[in-house]
Protein backbone atom coordinates (compact mmCIF):
# COMPACT_ATOMS: atom_id res chain seq x y z
CA MET A 1 158.37 104.64 97.45
CA PRO A 2 155.93 102.97 99.86
CA GLU A 3 152.62 101.75 98.51
CA GLU A 4 149.71 103.97 99.50
CA LYS A 5 147.01 102.27 101.59
CA LEU A 6 143.61 102.54 100.00
CA SER A 7 140.60 103.69 101.99
CA LEU A 8 138.00 101.03 102.60
CA ALA A 9 135.69 102.71 100.11
CA LYS A 10 138.34 102.74 97.37
CA GLU A 11 139.42 99.19 98.19
CA GLN A 12 135.86 97.89 97.96
CA GLN A 13 135.23 99.89 94.78
CA LYS A 14 138.21 98.10 93.29
CA THR A 15 137.46 94.55 94.59
CA LYS A 16 133.62 94.59 94.78
CA PRO A 17 133.66 92.14 97.74
CA GLN A 18 131.20 89.32 98.21
CA ILE A 19 128.69 90.03 100.93
CA GLU A 20 129.44 86.76 102.71
CA ASP A 21 133.06 87.85 103.23
CA ALA A 22 132.02 91.14 104.83
CA ILE A 23 129.44 89.40 107.03
CA CYS A 24 132.00 86.93 108.38
CA GLU A 25 134.55 89.68 108.94
CA LEU A 26 132.35 92.35 110.50
CA LEU A 27 129.46 90.68 112.36
CA ASP A 28 129.51 88.63 115.55
CA ALA A 29 128.47 84.96 115.35
CA GLY A 30 124.74 85.45 116.06
CA ARG A 31 124.26 88.31 113.64
CA ALA A 32 126.44 86.62 111.04
CA GLU A 33 124.39 83.44 111.23
CA ASN A 34 121.15 85.30 110.44
CA ALA A 35 122.78 87.44 107.75
CA LEU A 36 124.33 84.42 106.03
CA ALA A 37 121.01 82.52 106.16
CA PHE A 38 119.27 85.44 104.51
CA VAL A 39 121.92 85.76 101.78
CA ALA A 40 121.66 81.99 101.17
CA TYR A 41 117.90 82.37 100.78
CA LEU A 42 118.41 85.20 98.30
CA ARG A 43 120.86 83.19 96.22
CA GLU A 44 118.59 80.11 96.28
CA ASN A 45 115.84 82.32 94.85
CA LYS A 46 118.07 83.86 92.16
CA LEU A 47 118.18 87.21 93.95
CA THR A 48 121.90 87.96 93.88
CA PRO A 49 123.26 90.67 96.18
CA ARG A 50 125.56 92.96 94.16
CA TRP A 51 128.07 95.30 95.74
CA ALA A 52 126.82 98.92 95.52
CA SER A 53 129.00 101.01 97.85
CA THR A 54 131.07 100.69 101.01
CA ASN A 55 129.59 97.74 102.93
CA ALA A 56 126.37 97.97 100.96
CA TRP A 57 124.79 95.55 98.49
CA VAL A 58 121.59 95.76 96.46
CA VAL A 59 119.25 93.01 95.37
CA LYS A 60 117.40 93.55 92.14
CA TYR A 61 114.60 91.72 90.44
CA LYS A 62 113.78 92.42 86.79
CA GLY A 63 115.92 95.58 87.03
CA LYS A 64 114.12 96.97 90.07
CA VAL A 65 115.83 97.23 93.46
CA LEU A 66 113.94 95.18 96.05
CA VAL A 67 116.23 95.57 99.05
CA SER A 68 119.61 96.82 100.11
CA ILE A 69 121.79 95.20 102.73
CA ARG A 70 124.20 97.33 104.73
CA ILE A 71 126.76 96.51 107.35
CA GLY A 72 127.74 99.26 109.76
CA LEU A 73 131.31 100.09 110.48
CA GLN A 74 133.22 102.98 111.86
CA GLU A 75 135.73 104.51 109.51
CA GLY A 76 137.30 107.77 110.53
CA GLY A 77 134.91 108.07 113.48
CA ALA A 78 131.74 108.17 111.36
CA VAL A 79 129.03 105.56 111.72
CA SER A 80 127.66 104.41 108.40
CA TYR A 81 123.99 104.94 107.49
CA GLY A 82 122.90 105.31 111.09
CA LEU A 83 124.17 101.82 111.93
CA GLU A 84 126.54 101.09 114.77
CA SER A 85 129.71 99.16 114.04
CA GLY A 86 128.90 95.45 113.81
CA SER A 87 125.24 95.98 112.96
CA TRP A 88 123.46 95.26 109.70
CA HIS A 89 120.12 96.05 108.17
CA ILE A 90 117.86 95.14 105.31
CA GLY A 91 116.43 98.29 103.74
CA HIS A 92 113.32 97.89 101.64
CA TRP A 93 113.06 100.02 98.53
CA TRP A 94 109.65 101.27 97.49
CA HIS A 95 108.69 101.91 93.90
CA ASP A 96 105.39 103.62 93.13
CA PHE A 97 103.84 100.24 92.24
CA PHE A 98 104.62 98.67 95.65
CA LYS A 99 101.34 99.65 97.24
CA LEU A 100 101.34 98.04 100.67
CA ASN A 101 97.72 97.90 101.62
CA GLU A 102 94.95 95.39 102.22
CA ASP A 103 95.79 93.55 98.97
CA LEU A 104 98.57 91.74 100.76
CA SER A 105 96.11 90.16 103.23
CA ILE A 106 95.44 87.37 100.72
CA GLU A 107 99.05 86.22 101.22
CA PHE A 108 98.31 85.16 104.84
CA GLU A 109 96.57 82.10 106.20
CA ASP A 110 94.45 84.05 108.68
CA ALA A 111 93.64 87.52 109.94
CA THR A 112 95.77 87.13 113.07
CA ALA A 113 98.92 86.35 111.04
CA TYR A 114 98.21 89.31 108.81
CA ASP A 115 97.73 91.64 111.81
CA GLU A 116 101.02 90.42 113.32
CA PHE A 117 102.74 91.13 110.00
CA LYS A 118 101.34 94.70 109.86
CA GLN A 119 102.48 95.32 113.45
CA PHE A 120 105.95 94.10 112.50
CA ILE A 121 106.08 96.45 109.49
CA TRP A 122 104.90 99.44 111.55
CA ALA A 123 107.49 98.69 114.26
CA ASN A 124 110.31 98.76 111.69
CA VAL A 125 109.47 102.01 109.92
CA GLN A 126 112.48 104.24 110.43
CA LEU A 127 112.35 107.95 111.12
CA CYS A 128 114.77 109.96 109.01
CA LYS A 129 118.16 110.30 110.73
CA ASN A 130 119.64 112.60 108.07
CA CYS A 131 122.16 109.91 107.19
CA MET A 132 121.52 109.90 103.42
CA CYS A 133 119.97 111.90 100.61
CA CYS A 134 116.36 111.37 101.74
CA ALA A 135 116.57 114.03 104.47
CA PRO A 136 114.24 115.30 105.88
CA GLY A 137 112.38 112.07 105.08
CA HIS A 138 109.11 111.29 103.37
CA ASP A 139 105.51 110.94 104.44
CA ARG A 140 104.19 107.53 103.54
CA ALA A 141 101.41 105.11 104.53
CA PHE A 142 101.98 101.44 105.24
CA PHE A 143 98.90 99.23 105.63
CA GLY A 144 96.61 102.15 106.34
CA LYS A 145 98.83 103.84 108.92
CA GLN A 146 100.36 107.18 107.97
CA PHE A 147 103.96 107.99 108.93
CA LYS A 148 105.69 111.40 108.81
CA SER A 149 109.32 112.12 108.01
CA ILE A 150 110.44 108.54 107.55
CA CYS A 151 113.62 107.37 105.94
CA ASN A 152 112.06 104.14 104.82
CA TYR A 153 111.32 100.72 106.07
CA ARG A 154 114.29 98.75 107.26
CA ILE A 155 114.98 95.92 109.65
CA GLU A 156 118.06 96.31 111.83
CA ASN A 157 119.79 93.13 113.00
CA PRO A 158 116.87 90.91 112.01
CA ASN A 159 116.21 87.69 113.88
CA ALA A 160 114.66 84.53 112.39
CA ILE A 161 111.10 85.85 112.65
CA ALA A 162 112.02 89.15 110.99
CA LEU A 163 113.71 87.23 108.19
CA GLU A 164 110.55 85.18 107.58
CA TYR A 165 108.47 88.38 107.31
CA THR A 166 111.10 89.82 104.96
CA LYS A 167 110.92 86.75 102.71
CA LYS A 168 107.13 87.12 102.54
CA LEU A 169 107.49 90.80 101.68
CA LEU A 170 110.07 89.97 98.98
CA GLU A 171 107.70 87.51 97.36
CA PHE A 172 104.98 90.15 97.35
CA LYS A 173 107.35 92.72 95.82
CA LYS A 174 108.40 90.25 93.10
CA LYS A 175 104.72 89.68 92.18
CA ALA A 176 104.13 93.44 92.15
CA THR A 177 107.18 93.95 89.88
CA LEU A 178 105.96 91.30 87.42
CA ALA A 179 102.46 92.83 87.35
CA TYR A 180 103.94 96.31 86.79
CA LEU A 181 106.15 95.15 83.94
CA LYS A 182 103.32 93.44 81.99
């Protein structure tokens, strides 16, 4: 009797692949370079990506999810999580104690850098695409600007600048988590 081929979901559920392997297999050289650099940063800072579902990994700190990393692929004609095949994103998770407001301004060397950061955040707020359980989206404010029917905040195919902003945001979220847990 021939061995039955497992679906990608079942195969990954069984093997729980390392994110680096999926990055090298599914992303082109430019995207892979940025993704691998980000994963290396996470590991250097003891933020280990753990497999969560098909081509998706979560990064936790003190038991709280900080970000998820997803790699898009087409399986059976469906695009995963609104991503095109060969794309990836960093999705930021928001707990009630992650209040993004003027308090974060102290993390920046000057007002111009802080304003550029806010503009970056606003540009990466994602409208709900009905791709997951959040449909029809949530209303949320980021740095004083109100957004309607958003999925969340995620960065698709981040470049080096986007990764630097993401690192700054991760440091803020770690501090907020520690303060919340005290």
